[in-house]
Amino acid sequence: MIETIVFDVGETITRDDRYWAAWADWLDVPRHTLSALVGAVVARGEDNAEALRLARPGLDVAAEYRAREAAGKGEFLDDTDLYDDVRPGLTALRTAGVRVVIAGNQTVRVGELLRNLDLPADVIVTSEEWGVAKPQPEFFERVLEIALAPPDRTLYVGDHPANDVFPAKAAGLKVAHLRRGPWGHLWADDPSVVQAADWRIGSLSELAEISQG
């Protein structure tokens, strides 16, 4: 039985459409161009920030992020950024007595925005707030601290093999790979992902039954 389920953020809880569109507009490149570059980066298994550097060689991503925030064009989230199954899926889990945690590689700002959405979650935290990011083992050590459950009764849900599936499994957690977003779809049938994931799902609505199994 699963006592705690921990969720990645990007392309698990939230759509990344607004994120990439905002970057394309800021860098003054067509949205389709940046989207295609993201796809190329995904296929090569590289960090998604590399897509920004391909669009603008030599780009200092951190400096540009700060410039966007200073210009009032920084990160923003509202209910339209949530996947349709998020609120009902998380609500069903809490009704069933499962502890719900959201913990992903995101900024302090995103943590604030997510908490302002009043999601049905017990804890919402980001890597920047912790000072450690996936796939580092220390991130999953922190996950287990707030999970309040043993590793074999804690399930991590995410779309990204390198950031979610493999390091969570290495930390002793149960893992559900979500076929969602570019990473989730492209790597869903990869033999290493199939072997590592305890479950492979297409919707968060599947988790209520899994948690009671």
C-alpha atoms as a PDB file:
ATOM      1  CA  MET A   1       0.000   0.000   0.000  1.00  0.00           C
ATOM      2  CA  ILE A   2       1.236   3.500  -0.837  1.00  0.00           C
ATOM      3  CA  GLU A   3       1.074   6.030   1.998  1.00  0.00           C
ATOM      4  CA  THR A   4       2.545   9.090   0.251  1.00  0.00           C
ATOM      5  CA  ILE A   5       2.613  10.155  -3.390  1.00  0.00           C
ATOM      6  CA  VAL A   6       5.086  12.832  -4.468  1.00  0.00           C
ATOM      7  CA  PHE A   7       4.587  14.680  -7.747  1.00  0.00           C
ATOM      8  CA  ASP A   8       6.994  16.346 -10.126  1.00  0.00           C
ATOM      9  CA  VAL A   9       5.777  19.750 -11.363  1.00  0.00           C
ATOM     10  CA  GLY A  10       6.480  20.533 -15.036  1.00  0.00           C
ATOM     11  CA  GLU A  11       4.508  18.295 -17.417  1.00  0.00           C
ATOM     12  CA  THR A  12       3.148  16.360 -14.429  1.00  0.00           C
ATOM     13  CA  ILE A  13       1.121  18.975 -12.553  1.00  0.00           C
ATOM     14  CA  THR A  14       1.489  21.921 -14.931  1.00  0.00           C
ATOM     15  CA  ARG A  15       1.666  22.331 -18.694  1.00  0.00           C
ATOM     16  CA  ASP A  16       4.861  23.931 -19.960  1.00  0.00           C
ATOM     17  CA  ASP A  17       3.122  25.750 -22.831  1.00  0.00           C
ATOM     18  CA  ARG A  18       3.166  29.168 -21.150  1.00  0.00           C
ATOM     19  CA  TYR A  19       6.757  28.673 -19.936  1.00  0.00           C
ATOM     20  CA  TRP A  20       8.193  28.073 -23.409  1.00  0.00           C
ATOM     21  CA  ALA A  21       5.955  30.632 -25.118  1.00  0.00           C
ATOM     22  CA  ALA A  22       7.130  33.306 -22.689  1.00  0.00           C
ATOM     23  CA  TRP A  23      10.771  32.430 -23.331  1.00  0.00           C
ATOM     24  CA  ALA A  24      10.248  32.516 -27.112  1.00  0.00           C
ATOM     25  CA  ASP A  25       8.635  35.944 -26.888  1.00  0.00           C
ATOM     26  CA  TRP A  26      11.393  37.239 -24.605  1.00  0.00           C
ATOM     27  CA  LEU A  27      14.153  35.994 -26.920  1.00  0.00           C
ATOM     28  CA  ASP A  28      12.236  37.243 -29.962  1.00  0.00           C
ATOM     29  CA  VAL A  29      12.215  33.883 -31.729  1.00  0.00           C
ATOM     30  CA  PRO A  30       9.125  32.205 -33.200  1.00  0.00           C
ATOM     31  CA  ARG A  31       7.356  29.978 -30.697  1.00  0.00           C
ATOM     32  CA  HIS A  32       7.404  27.113 -33.176  1.00  0.00           C
ATOM     33  CA  THR A  33      11.184  27.426 -33.509  1.00  0.00           C
ATOM     34  CA  LEU A  34      11.777  27.181 -29.788  1.00  0.00           C
ATOM     35  CA  SER A  35       9.294  24.315 -29.518  1.00  0.00           C
ATOM     36  CA  ALA A  36      11.213  22.415 -32.190  1.00  0.00           C
ATOM     37  CA  LEU A  37      14.493  23.074 -30.387  1.00  0.00           C
ATOM     38  CA  VAL A  38      12.984  21.728 -27.169  1.00  0.00           C
ATOM     39  CA  GLY A  39      12.060  18.579 -29.084  1.00  0.00           C
ATOM     40  CA  ALA A  40      15.621  18.235 -30.361  1.00  0.00           C
ATOM     41  CA  VAL A  41      17.020  18.621 -26.862  1.00  0.00           C
ATOM     42  CA  VAL A  42      14.595  16.027 -25.523  1.00  0.00           C
ATOM     43  CA  ALA A  43      15.597  13.558 -28.213  1.00  0.00           C
ATOM     44  CA  ARG A  44      19.265  14.032 -27.315  1.00  0.00           C
ATOM     45  CA  GLY A  45      18.568  13.571 -23.613  1.00  0.00           C
ATOM     46  CA  GLU A  46      19.921  17.004 -22.699  1.00  0.00           C
ATOM     47  CA  ASP A  47      18.791  19.548 -20.126  1.00  0.00           C
ATOM     48  CA  ASN A  48      15.903  21.640 -21.423  1.00  0.00           C
ATOM     49  CA  ALA A  49      17.811  24.886 -20.831  1.00  0.00           C
ATOM     50  CA  GLU A  50      20.003  23.864 -23.748  1.00  0.00           C
ATOM     51  CA  ALA A  51      17.083  24.716 -26.053  1.00  0.00           C
ATOM     52  CA  LEU A  52      17.391  28.349 -24.950  1.00  0.00           C
ATOM     53  CA  ARG A  53      21.110  28.352 -25.684  1.00  0.00           C
ATOM     54  CA  LEU A  54      20.474  26.892 -29.114  1.00  0.00           C
ATOM     55  CA  ALA A  55      18.054  29.714 -29.809  1.00  0.00           C
ATOM     56  CA  ARG A  56      20.504  32.309 -28.489  1.00  0.00           C
ATOM     57  CA  PRO A  57      24.127  31.016 -28.429  1.00  0.00           C
ATOM     58  CA  GLY A  58      26.067  32.083 -25.365  1.00  0.00           C
ATOM     59  CA  LEU A  59      22.899  32.930 -23.432  1.00  0.00           C
ATOM     60  CA  ASP A  60      23.274  33.287 -19.661  1.00  0.00           C
ATOM     61  CA  VAL A  61      19.959  31.664 -18.713  1.00  0.00           C
ATOM     62  CA  ALA A  62      20.061  32.745 -15.061  1.00  0.00           C
ATOM     63  CA  ALA A  63      20.796  36.369 -15.987  1.00  0.00           C
ATOM     64  CA  GLU A  64      17.999  36.397 -18.569  1.00  0.00           C
ATOM     65  CA  TYR A  65      15.599  34.912 -16.030  1.00  0.00           C
ATOM     66  CA  ARG A  66      16.379  37.764 -13.636  1.00  0.00           C
ATOM     67  CA  ALA A  67      15.953  40.288 -16.440  1.00  0.00           C
ATOM     68  CA  ARG A  68      12.528  38.872 -17.277  1.00  0.00           C
ATOM     69  CA  GLU A  69      11.439  39.113 -13.667  1.00  0.00           C
ATOM     70  CA  ALA A  70      12.700  42.688 -13.395  1.00  0.00           C
ATOM     71  CA  ALA A  71      10.759  43.588 -16.561  1.00  0.00           C
ATOM     72  CA  GLY A  72       7.551  42.156 -15.136  1.00  0.00           C
ATOM     73  CA  LYS A  73       7.562  39.303 -17.638  1.00  0.00           C
ATOM     74  CA  GLY A  74       8.592  36.521 -15.297  1.00  0.00           C
ATOM     75  CA  GLU A  75       6.980  33.225 -14.369  1.00  0.00           C
ATOM     76  CA  PHE A  76       3.231  33.048 -13.895  1.00  0.00           C
ATOM     77  CA  LEU A  77       0.790  30.230 -13.203  1.00  0.00           C
ATOM     78  CA  ASP A  78      -2.955  29.999 -12.847  1.00  0.00           C
ATOM     79  CA  ASP A  79      -5.560  27.251 -13.104  1.00  0.00           C
ATOM     80  CA  THR A  80      -5.325  27.181 -16.895  1.00  0.00           C
ATOM     81  CA  ASP A  81      -1.767  25.865 -16.557  1.00  0.00           C
ATOM     82  CA  LEU A  82      -2.917  22.770 -14.643  1.00  0.00           C
ATOM     83  CA  TYR A  83      -3.642  19.515 -16.414  1.00  0.00           C
ATOM     84  CA  ASP A  84      -7.331  18.604 -16.196  1.00  0.00           C
ATOM     85  CA  ASP A  85      -6.724  15.556 -14.003  1.00  0.00           C
ATOM     86  CA  VAL A  86      -4.727  17.385 -11.313  1.00  0.00           C
ATOM     87  CA  ARG A  87      -7.413  18.648  -8.944  1.00  0.00           C
ATOM     88  CA  PRO A  88      -9.688  15.581  -9.175  1.00  0.00           C
ATOM     89  CA  GLY A  89      -6.732  13.197  -9.054  1.00  0.00           C
ATOM     90  CA  LEU A  90      -5.109  14.775  -6.010  1.00  0.00           C
ATOM     91  CA  THR A  91      -8.466  15.183  -4.268  1.00  0.00           C
ATOM     92  CA  ALA A  92      -9.217  11.481  -4.722  1.00  0.00           C
ATOM     93  CA  LEU A  93      -5.876  10.571  -3.176  1.00  0.00           C
ATOM     94  CA  ARG A  94      -6.385  12.754  -0.109  1.00  0.00           C
ATOM     95  CA  THR A  95      -9.909  11.404   0.311  1.00  0.00           C
ATOM     96  CA  ALA A  96      -8.386   7.920   0.337  1.00  0.00           C
ATOM     97  CA  GLY A  97      -5.990   8.967   3.107  1.00  0.00           C
ATOM     98  CA  VAL A  98      -2.875   9.313   0.965  1.00  0.00           C
ATOM     99  CA  ARG A  99      -0.417  12.088   1.808  1.00  0.00           C
ATOM    100  CA  VAL A 100       0.092  14.291  -1.264  1.00  0.00           C
ATOM    101  CA  VAL A 101       3.374  16.146  -1.851  1.00  0.00           C
ATOM    102  CA  ILE A 102       4.428  18.276  -4.813  1.00  0.00           C
ATOM    103  CA  ALA A 103       8.209  18.591  -5.166  1.00  0.00           C
ATOM    104  CA  GLY A 104       9.989  19.423  -8.405  1.00  0.00           C
ATOM    105  CA  ASN A 105      12.855  21.294 -10.023  1.00  0.00           C
ATOM    106  CA  GLN A 106      11.369  24.749  -9.894  1.00  0.00           C
ATOM    107  CA  THR A 107      12.125  28.228  -8.622  1.00  0.00           C
ATOM    108  CA  VAL A 108      11.054  29.882  -5.394  1.00  0.00           C
ATOM    109  CA  ARG A 109       8.634  31.934  -7.467  1.00  0.00           C
ATOM    110  CA  VAL A 110       6.931  28.816  -8.855  1.00  0.00           C
ATOM    111  CA  GLY A 111       6.600  27.444  -5.340  1.00  0.00           C
ATOM    112  CA  GLU A 112       4.743  30.597  -4.326  1.00  0.00           C
ATOM    113  CA  LEU A 113       2.526  30.464  -7.404  1.00  0.00           C
ATOM    114  CA  LEU A 114       1.633  26.809  -6.834  1.00  0.00           C
ATOM    115  CA  ARG A 115       0.739  27.393  -3.191  1.00  0.00           C
ATOM    116  CA  ASN A 116      -1.465  30.308  -4.238  1.00  0.00           C
ATOM    117  CA  LEU A 117      -3.520  27.904  -6.378  1.00  0.00           C
ATOM    118  CA  ASP A 118      -4.817  26.163  -3.234  1.00  0.00           C
ATOM    119  CA  LEU A 119      -4.118  22.706  -4.626  1.00  0.00           C
ATOM    120  CA  PRO A 120      -5.241  19.604  -2.699  1.00  0.00           C
ATOM    121  CA  ALA A 121      -1.716  18.876  -1.426  1.00  0.00           C
ATOM    122  CA  ASP A 122      -0.210  18.538   2.027  1.00  0.00           C
ATOM    123  CA  VAL A 123       3.166  20.034   1.067  1.00  0.00           C
ATOM    124  CA  ILE A 124       4.404  22.004  -1.956  1.00  0.00           C
ATOM    125  CA  VAL A 125       8.133  22.691  -2.246  1.00  0.00           C
ATOM    126  CA  THR A 126      10.668  23.400  -4.980  1.00  0.00           C
ATOM    127  CA  SER A 127      14.308  22.601  -5.577  1.00  0.00           C
ATOM    128  CA  GLU A 128      15.372  26.237  -5.282  1.00  0.00           C
ATOM    129  CA  GLU A 129      13.699  26.468  -1.890  1.00  0.00           C
ATOM    130  CA  TRP A 130      15.627  23.381  -0.790  1.00  0.00           C
ATOM    131  CA  GLY A 131      18.904  24.393  -2.410  1.00  0.00           C
ATOM    132  CA  VAL A 132      19.231  21.015  -4.103  1.00  0.00           C
ATOM    133  CA  ALA A 133      17.820  19.773  -7.398  1.00  0.00           C
ATOM    134  CA  LYS A 134      17.000  16.532  -9.173  1.00  0.00           C
ATOM    135  CA  PRO A 135      18.605  14.219 -10.064  1.00  0.00           C
ATOM    136  CA  GLN A 136      20.889  14.678  -7.050  1.00  0.00           C
ATOM    137  CA  PRO A 137      20.395  12.016  -4.361  1.00  0.00           C
ATOM    138  CA  GLU A 138      20.058  14.750  -1.739  1.00  0.00           C
ATOM    139  CA  PHE A 139      16.847  15.933  -3.388  1.00  0.00           C
ATOM    140  CA  PHE A 140      15.243  12.546  -2.843  1.00  0.00           C
ATOM    141  CA  GLU A 141      16.568  12.421   0.706  1.00  0.00           C
ATOM    142  CA  ARG A 142      14.598  15.603   1.315  1.00  0.00           C
ATOM    143  CA  VAL A 143      11.595  14.045  -0.431  1.00  0.00           C
ATOM    144  CA  LEU A 144      11.658  11.165   2.018  1.00  0.00           C
ATOM    145  CA  GLU A 145      11.933  13.532   4.981  1.00  0.00           C
ATOM    146  CA  ILE A 146       8.663  15.230   4.081  1.00  0.00           C
ATOM    147  CA  ALA A 147       6.959  12.079   2.802  1.00  0.00           C
ATOM    148  CA  LEU A 148       6.629  10.784   6.386  1.00  0.00           C
ATOM    149  CA  ALA A 149       6.522   7.246   4.994  1.00  0.00           C
ATOM    150  CA  PRO A 150       9.078   4.501   4.292  1.00  0.00           C
ATOM    151  CA  PRO A 151      10.641   4.523   0.804  1.00  0.00           C
ATOM    152  CA  ASP A 152       8.750   1.415  -0.287  1.00  0.00           C
ATOM    153  CA  ARG A 153       5.458   3.120   0.656  1.00  0.00           C
ATOM    154  CA  THR A 154       6.356   6.386  -1.084  1.00  0.00           C
ATOM    155  CA  LEU A 155       5.612   6.813  -4.791  1.00  0.00           C
ATOM    156  CA  TYR A 156       7.283   9.444  -6.965  1.00  0.00           C
ATOM    157  CA  VAL A 157       5.384  10.441 -10.115  1.00  0.00           C
ATOM    158  CA  GLY A 158       7.081  12.183 -13.026  1.00  0.00           C
ATOM    159  CA  ASP A 159       7.592  12.338 -16.763  1.00  0.00           C
ATOM    160  CA  HIS A 160      11.371  12.638 -17.012  1.00  0.00           C
ATOM    161  CA  PRO A 161      13.497   9.446 -16.922  1.00  0.00           C
ATOM    162  CA  ALA A 162      16.785  11.082 -15.896  1.00  0.00           C
ATOM    163  CA  ASN A 163      15.306  13.491 -13.352  1.00  0.00           C
ATOM    164  CA  ASP A 164      12.406  11.446 -12.000  1.00  0.00           C
ATOM    165  CA  VAL A 165      12.366   7.732 -12.756  1.00  0.00           C
ATOM    166  CA  PHE A 166      15.983   6.665 -12.346  1.00  0.00           C
ATOM    167  CA  PRO A 167      17.052   8.764  -9.317  1.00  0.00           C
ATOM    168  CA  ALA A 168      13.813   8.111  -7.424  1.00  0.00           C
ATOM    169  CA  LYS A 169      14.239   4.393  -8.000  1.00  0.00           C
ATOM    170  CA  ALA A 170      17.870   4.580  -6.888  1.00  0.00           C
ATOM    171  CA  ALA A 171      16.695   6.232  -3.657  1.00  0.00           C
ATOM    172  CA  GLY A 172      14.441   3.252  -2.953  1.00  0.00           C
ATOM    173  CA  LEU A 173      11.125   4.905  -3.791  1.00  0.00           C
ATOM    174  CA  LYS A 174       8.390   3.389  -5.870  1.00  0.00           C
ATOM    175  CA  VAL A 175       8.114   5.102  -9.257  1.00  0.00           C
ATOM    176  CA  ALA A 176       5.321   5.860 -11.706  1.00  0.00           C
ATOM    177  CA  HIS A 177       6.376   7.150 -15.115  1.00  0.00           C
ATOM    178  CA  LEU A 178       3.785   9.479 -16.617  1.00  0.00           C
ATOM    179  CA  ARG A 179       3.304   9.507 -20.382  1.00  0.00           C
ATOM    180  CA  ARG A 180       2.836  13.261 -20.596  1.00  0.00           C
ATOM    181  CA  GLY A 181       4.731  16.063 -22.276  1.00  0.00           C
ATOM    182  CA  PRO A 182       7.667  15.556 -24.676  1.00  0.00           C
ATOM    183  CA  TRP A 183       9.856  13.610 -22.261  1.00  0.00           C
ATOM    184  CA  GLY A 184       7.021  11.404 -21.069  1.00  0.00           C
ATOM    185  CA  HIS A 185       5.927  10.455 -24.573  1.00  0.00           C
ATOM    186  CA  LEU A 186       9.346  10.076 -26.164  1.00  0.00           C
ATOM    187  CA  TRP A 187      10.811   7.847 -23.455  1.00  0.00           C
ATOM    188  CA  ALA A 188       7.677   5.956 -22.408  1.00  0.00           C
ATOM    189  CA  ASP A 189       8.609   2.703 -24.147  1.00  0.00           C
ATOM    190  CA  ASP A 190      12.352   2.905 -23.659  1.00  0.00           C
ATOM    191  CA  PRO A 191      13.459  -0.454 -22.202  1.00  0.00           C
ATOM    192  CA  SER A 192      15.339   1.178 -19.312  1.00  0.00           C
ATOM    193  CA  VAL A 193      12.255   3.175 -18.309  1.00  0.00           C
ATOM    194  CA  VAL A 194       9.989   0.151 -18.626  1.00  0.00           C
ATOM    195  CA  GLN A 195      12.348  -1.822 -16.383  1.00  0.00           C
ATOM    196  CA  ALA A 196      12.769   0.890 -13.748  1.00  0.00           C
ATOM    197  CA  ALA A 197       9.191   2.113 -13.377  1.00  0.00           C
ATOM    198  CA  ASP A 198       6.890   0.215 -11.038  1.00  0.00           C
ATOM    199  CA  TRP A 199       3.922   1.663 -12.927  1.00  0.00           C
ATOM    200  CA  ARG A 200       3.513   3.420 -16.265  1.00  0.00           C
ATOM    201  CA  ILE A 201       0.477   5.664 -16.376  1.00  0.00           C
ATOM    202  CA  GLY A 202      -1.284   8.033 -18.746  1.00  0.00           C
ATOM    203  CA  SER A 203      -3.320   9.972 -16.187  1.00  0.00           C
ATOM    204  CA  LEU A 204      -3.142  10.951 -12.528  1.00  0.00           C
ATOM    205  CA  SER A 205      -6.603   9.448 -12.108  1.00  0.00           C
ATOM    206  CA  GLU A 206      -4.975   5.994 -12.160  1.00  0.00           C
ATOM    207  CA  LEU A 207      -3.100   6.659  -8.927  1.00  0.00           C
ATOM    208  CA  ALA A 208      -6.007   6.256  -6.497  1.00  0.00           C
ATOM    209  CA  GLU A 209      -6.361   2.599  -7.394  1.00  0.00           C
ATOM    210  CA  ILE A 210      -2.590   2.077  -7.421  1.00  0.00           C
ATOM    211  CA  SER A 211      -2.266   3.559  -3.936  1.00  0.00           C
ATOM    212  CA  GLN A 212      -4.694   1.030  -2.493  1.00  0.00           C
ATOM    213  CA  GLY A 213      -3.126  -1.980  -4.186  1.00  0.00           C
END
